[in-house]
């Protein structure tokens, strides 16, 4: 198990990418599905907000040669938790709701990034909205609700 990372309190499963395009970014080292679907990365920006990202590969495409909608929604789910890092603190959470509007297509070898904001983060529910872009062009707008699970 990795040591907890100060800039990501409570998320001790985050590992640091050491090489390549995403060197210095963090990723979940304890989620087999996200590792297989992505991998997806996150980092804190200078303004304190989080950015999530990944680069598309042939395995992320649908039969028409564009990024699969399920892949984008999986990435949006990852991004919910990235965006809500500070609101969650040391607590864990589960996705209660995730919805998205597809705005554009992307092919292989495209940088997909997501940014967003917590619109309400008090209590047991955290409301998040975000935008995923493909090489800077809007690809998916999404909203979600996270249910906070306090550690026992």
Protein backbone atom coordinates (compact mmCIF):
# COMPACT_ATOMS: atom_id res chain seq x y z
CA UNK A 1 0.00 0.00 0.00
CA UNK A 2 1.23 3.49 -0.82
CA UNK A 3 1.76 6.14 1.83
CA UNK A 4 -1.00 8.79 1.98
CA UNK A 5 -0.23 11.77 -0.23
CA UNK A 6 -0.60 15.11 1.55
CA UNK A 7 -2.17 16.97 -1.35
CA UNK A 8 -4.83 14.22 -1.65
CA UNK A 9 -5.93 13.61 1.97
CA UNK A 10 -7.56 10.27 2.59
CA UNK A 11 -6.68 8.80 -0.80
CA UNK A 12 -3.86 6.45 0.05
CA UNK A 13 -4.45 4.29 -3.04
CA UNK A 14 -3.27 7.08 -5.34
CA UNK A 15 0.02 6.32 -7.01
CA UNK A 16 2.26 8.73 -8.90
CA UNK A 17 3.02 8.17 -12.58
CA UNK A 18 6.79 8.39 -12.97
CA UNK A 19 7.26 8.47 -16.75
CA UNK A 20 5.68 9.41 -20.05
CA UNK A 21 3.10 12.02 -20.89
CA UNK A 22 1.48 11.84 -17.44
CA UNK A 23 4.65 11.91 -15.33
CA UNK A 24 3.80 13.59 -12.02
CA UNK A 25 0.07 12.92 -12.35
CA UNK A 26 -1.76 10.63 -9.88
CA UNK A 27 -3.86 7.55 -10.61
CA UNK A 28 -5.86 5.03 -8.59
CA UNK A 29 -3.71 2.02 -7.89
CA UNK A 30 -6.52 0.13 -6.17
CA UNK A 31 -9.35 0.11 -8.72
CA UNK A 32 -8.98 -2.77 -11.21
CA UNK A 33 -11.81 -1.57 -13.44
CA UNK A 34 -10.50 1.98 -13.83
CA UNK A 35 -6.97 0.69 -14.40
CA UNK A 36 -8.25 -1.53 -17.20
CA UNK A 37 -10.60 1.07 -18.69
CA UNK A 38 -8.05 3.90 -18.55
CA UNK A 39 -5.76 4.35 -16.97
CA UNK A 40 -7.11 7.75 -15.92
CA UNK A 41 -4.96 10.40 -14.27
CA UNK A 42 -5.54 13.45 -12.06
CA UNK A 43 -3.54 16.39 -10.79
CA UNK A 44 -4.10 19.50 -8.73
CA UNK A 45 -3.66 22.71 -10.70
CA UNK A 46 -2.04 25.90 -9.38
CA UNK A 47 -5.50 27.37 -8.69
CA UNK A 48 -6.35 24.40 -6.44
CA UNK A 49 -8.80 22.76 -8.85
CA UNK A 50 -8.30 19.26 -10.23
CA UNK A 51 -7.87 18.15 -13.83
CA UNK A 52 -8.42 14.56 -14.93
CA UNK A 53 -7.01 13.22 -18.19
CA UNK A 54 -6.15 10.26 -20.37
CA UNK A 55 -5.06 9.68 -23.95
CA UNK A 56 -7.36 7.63 -26.16
CA UNK A 57 -6.14 4.40 -27.72
CA UNK A 58 -7.67 2.01 -30.24
CA UNK A 59 -9.13 -0.02 -27.34
CA UNK A 60 -11.23 3.00 -26.29
CA UNK A 61 -13.01 3.21 -29.67
CA UNK A 62 -16.42 1.97 -30.75
CA UNK A 63 -17.16 0.14 -34.01
CA UNK A 64 -17.31 3.44 -35.94
CA UNK A 65 -13.79 4.40 -34.84
CA UNK A 66 -14.78 7.06 -32.28
CA UNK A 67 -14.40 7.00 -28.50
CA UNK A 68 -17.01 4.72 -26.97
CA UNK A 69 -19.67 6.56 -24.96
CA UNK A 70 -19.23 4.08 -22.13
CA UNK A 71 -15.54 4.96 -21.96
CA UNK A 72 -16.35 8.67 -21.72
CA UNK A 73 -18.91 8.05 -18.98
CA UNK A 74 -16.46 5.85 -17.08
CA UNK A 75 -13.95 8.69 -17.29
CA UNK A 76 -16.64 11.15 -16.14
CA UNK A 77 -17.29 8.94 -13.11
CA UNK A 78 -13.57 8.99 -12.29
CA UNK A 79 -13.56 12.76 -12.79
CA UNK A 80 -16.46 13.24 -10.33
CA UNK A 81 -14.25 11.97 -7.56
CA UNK A 82 -11.23 13.92 -8.75
CA UNK A 83 -13.24 17.15 -8.80
CA UNK A 84 -14.70 16.35 -5.36
CA UNK A 85 -11.38 15.45 -3.70
CA UNK A 86 -11.44 18.35 -1.26
CA UNK A 87 -15.16 18.01 -0.51
CA UNK A 88 -14.71 14.31 0.30
CA UNK A 89 -11.67 14.84 2.51
CA UNK A 90 -10.77 11.54 4.17
CA UNK A 91 -14.20 10.00 3.45
CA UNK A 92 -15.01 7.55 0.71
CA UNK A 93 -18.04 7.82 -1.53
CA UNK A 94 -20.16 6.10 -4.13
CA UNK A 95 -21.79 7.48 -7.25
CA UNK A 96 -25.53 7.93 -6.73
CA UNK A 97 -26.19 9.53 -10.09
CA UNK A 98 -24.22 10.25 -13.24
CA UNK A 99 -25.62 11.82 -16.39
CA UNK A 100 -23.96 13.19 -19.45
CA UNK A 101 -24.60 14.91 -22.74
CA UNK A 102 -22.37 13.91 -25.62
CA UNK A 103 -21.15 17.02 -27.42
CA UNK A 104 -18.57 15.74 -29.89
CA UNK A 105 -16.59 12.74 -31.08
CA UNK A 106 -12.92 11.87 -30.62
CA UNK A 107 -10.69 9.36 -32.33
CA UNK A 108 -7.55 7.55 -31.23
CA UNK A 109 -4.54 9.43 -29.82
CA UNK A 110 -6.61 12.33 -28.51
CA UNK A 111 -6.07 13.96 -25.12
CA UNK A 112 -9.28 13.81 -23.09
CA UNK A 113 -9.37 16.19 -20.12
CA UNK A 114 -12.07 16.99 -17.58
CA UNK A 115 -12.49 19.88 -15.21
CA UNK A 116 -15.43 20.93 -13.11
CA UNK A 117 -16.73 22.13 -9.81
CA UNK A 118 -18.56 21.01 -6.73
CA UNK A 119 -21.87 22.85 -6.82
CA UNK A 120 -22.84 21.68 -3.34
CA UNK A 121 -20.66 19.68 -1.01
CA UNK A 122 -22.04 19.73 2.49
CA UNK A 123 -23.59 16.82 4.30
CA UNK A 124 -23.88 13.33 2.90
CA UNK A 125 -24.30 14.32 -0.77
CA UNK A 126 -21.85 16.08 -3.04
CA UNK A 127 -23.11 17.55 -6.32
CA UNK A 128 -20.60 17.90 -9.16
CA UNK A 129 -20.68 19.21 -12.71
CA UNK A 130 -17.95 19.02 -15.29
CA UNK A 131 -16.87 19.21 -18.89
CA UNK A 132 -14.67 16.73 -20.73
CA UNK A 133 -12.82 17.94 -23.81
CA UNK A 134 -11.08 16.14 -26.65
CA UNK A 135 -7.94 18.05 -27.64
CA UNK A 136 -9.66 21.13 -26.21
CA UNK A 137 -13.01 20.65 -27.99
CA UNK A 138 -16.06 19.91 -25.80
CA UNK A 139 -16.90 16.19 -25.91
CA UNK A 140 -19.10 15.53 -22.84
CA UNK A 141 -20.82 17.67 -20.24
CA UNK A 142 -21.70 15.72 -17.11
CA UNK A 143 -23.26 16.02 -13.70
CA UNK A 144 -23.20 13.61 -10.82
CA UNK A 145 -24.04 13.05 -7.21
CA UNK A 146 -21.66 11.37 -4.79
CA UNK A 147 -22.93 9.84 -1.55
CA UNK A 148 -20.37 10.31 1.20
CA UNK A 149 -19.49 7.16 3.18
CA UNK A 150 -17.77 8.01 6.45
CA UNK A 151 -14.97 5.71 7.50
CA UNK A 152 -15.96 3.44 10.37
